[in-house]
């Protein structure tokens, strides 16, 4: 995951304190592929706001809904695909709207003059 400049990052200890979980739990989530924190030059894990949002979702699924890590992995992948599909749909709707405007413009430009003129 490429780090963005001027982004806010949190260390593993800050994140574990924020969510009241053991740092080993965060390491486990990383090993399982559920989280992918950035790394500093000294190889320290750096958690972005997006990582924290993902962690919040993971903890909600495991703590509140009783989903195991295999289920969380599947759900997270489905959520990712859903977001991608929504983005594609939005892009297609934008293109469709642009094409409709262009079509209307062409109709106005090449409209046949009425016979009563």
Protein backbone atom coordinates (compact mmCIF):
# COMPACT_ATOMS: atom_id res chain seq x y z
CA UNK A 1 0.00 0.00 0.00
CA UNK A 2 1.57 3.27 -1.06
CA UNK A 3 1.66 6.00 1.57
CA UNK A 4 0.15 9.34 0.75
CA UNK A 5 1.97 12.43 1.88
CA UNK A 6 0.26 14.56 4.52
CA UNK A 7 -1.87 11.60 5.63
CA UNK A 8 -2.37 10.81 9.28
CA UNK A 9 -0.90 7.50 10.46
CA UNK A 10 -1.08 5.65 13.76
CA UNK A 11 1.31 3.16 15.35
CA UNK A 12 0.26 -0.31 16.41
CA UNK A 13 0.21 0.73 20.07
CA UNK A 14 -2.06 3.70 19.37
CA UNK A 15 -4.48 1.58 17.34
CA UNK A 16 -4.52 -1.24 19.88
CA UNK A 17 -5.29 1.28 22.65
CA UNK A 18 -7.96 2.98 20.56
CA UNK A 19 -9.84 -0.30 19.99
CA UNK A 20 -8.88 -2.01 23.25
CA UNK A 21 -7.27 -4.98 21.49
CA UNK A 22 -3.89 -6.63 21.88
CA UNK A 23 -1.20 -5.69 19.31
CA UNK A 24 -0.91 -9.40 18.48
CA UNK A 25 -4.50 -9.29 17.27
CA UNK A 26 -3.54 -6.58 14.79
CA UNK A 27 -0.58 -8.68 13.67
CA UNK A 28 -2.90 -11.66 13.23
CA UNK A 29 -5.29 -9.60 11.10
CA UNK A 30 -2.31 -8.56 8.98
CA UNK A 31 -1.15 -12.19 8.59
CA UNK A 32 -4.69 -13.16 7.58
CA UNK A 33 -4.69 -10.40 4.95
CA UNK A 34 -7.49 -8.44 6.61
CA UNK A 35 -5.32 -5.38 7.25
CA UNK A 36 -2.39 -4.10 5.25
CA UNK A 37 -0.72 -1.31 7.20
CA UNK A 38 2.04 0.72 5.63
CA UNK A 39 5.57 0.51 7.00
CA UNK A 40 7.96 3.23 8.05
CA UNK A 41 11.59 3.28 6.99
CA UNK A 42 12.32 1.46 10.26
CA UNK A 43 9.66 -1.19 9.40
CA UNK A 44 7.16 0.08 12.00
CA UNK A 45 3.53 -0.61 11.14
CA UNK A 46 1.66 2.55 10.25
CA UNK A 47 -2.13 2.42 10.19
CA UNK A 48 -3.99 4.91 8.00
CA UNK A 49 -7.53 6.21 8.52
CA UNK A 50 -8.68 3.66 5.94
CA UNK A 51 -6.97 0.86 7.90
CA UNK A 52 -8.78 2.05 11.02
CA UNK A 53 -12.12 2.02 9.17
CA UNK A 54 -11.40 -1.54 8.00
CA UNK A 55 -10.45 -2.55 11.53
CA UNK A 56 -13.68 -1.07 12.85
CA UNK A 57 -15.64 -3.17 10.34
CA UNK A 58 -13.63 -6.28 11.23
CA UNK A 59 -14.25 -5.79 14.94
CA UNK A 60 -17.95 -5.14 14.37
CA UNK A 61 -18.23 -8.38 12.40
CA UNK A 62 -16.31 -10.44 14.96
CA UNK A 63 -17.51 -8.87 18.21
CA UNK A 64 -21.08 -7.88 17.43
CA UNK A 65 -22.06 -10.41 14.79
CA UNK A 66 -19.95 -13.41 15.80
CA UNK A 67 -18.35 -13.86 12.38
CA UNK A 68 -15.10 -15.84 12.32
CA UNK A 69 -12.01 -14.59 10.48
CA UNK A 70 -12.69 -16.72 7.39
CA UNK A 71 -16.14 -15.16 7.18
CA UNK A 72 -14.71 -11.69 7.75
CA UNK A 73 -12.28 -12.24 4.89
CA UNK A 74 -15.11 -13.21 2.54
CA UNK A 75 -17.30 -10.30 3.66
CA UNK A 76 -14.45 -7.78 3.28
CA UNK A 77 -13.73 -9.06 -0.24
CA UNK A 78 -17.42 -8.79 -1.15
CA UNK A 79 -17.56 -5.25 0.24
CA UNK A 80 -14.50 -4.35 -1.86
CA UNK A 81 -16.12 -5.78 -5.00
CA UNK A 82 -19.35 -3.96 -4.18
CA UNK A 83 -17.49 -0.63 -3.92
CA UNK A 84 -15.71 -1.32 -7.22
CA UNK A 85 -18.98 -2.22 -8.93
CA UNK A 86 -20.63 0.93 -7.58
CA UNK A 87 -17.75 3.03 -8.91
CA UNK A 88 -18.08 1.37 -12.33
CA UNK A 89 -21.83 1.98 -12.31
CA UNK A 90 -21.31 5.64 -11.43
CA UNK A 91 -18.77 6.02 -14.24
CA UNK A 92 -21.14 4.38 -16.73
CA UNK A 93 -24.00 6.62 -15.64
CA UNK A 94 -21.77 9.66 -16.20
CA UNK A 95 -20.83 8.46 -19.70
CA UNK A 96 -24.48 7.71 -20.48
CA UNK A 97 -25.54 11.21 -19.39
CA UNK A 98 -22.78 12.74 -21.52
CA UNK A 99 -23.87 10.69 -24.53
CA UNK A 100 -27.49 11.74 -24.05
CA UNK A 101 -26.44 15.40 -23.98
CA UNK A 102 -24.34 14.91 -27.09
CA UNK A 103 -27.24 13.15 -28.83
CA UNK A 104 -29.60 15.99 -27.94
CA UNK A 105 -27.07 18.48 -29.25
CA UNK A 106 -26.77 16.59 -32.52
CA UNK A 107 -30.54 16.40 -32.89
CA UNK A 108 -30.83 20.14 -32.36
CA UNK A 109 -28.03 20.82 -34.85
CA UNK A 110 -29.34 18.55 -37.59
CA UNK A 111 -33.08 18.93 -37.00
CA UNK A 112 -35.05 19.03 -40.24
CA UNK A 113 -36.77 22.33 -40.88
CA UNK A 114 -40.55 22.08 -40.63
CA UNK A 115 -42.58 22.07 -43.83
CA UNK A 116 -44.63 25.08 -42.66
CA UNK A 117 -41.61 27.42 -42.74
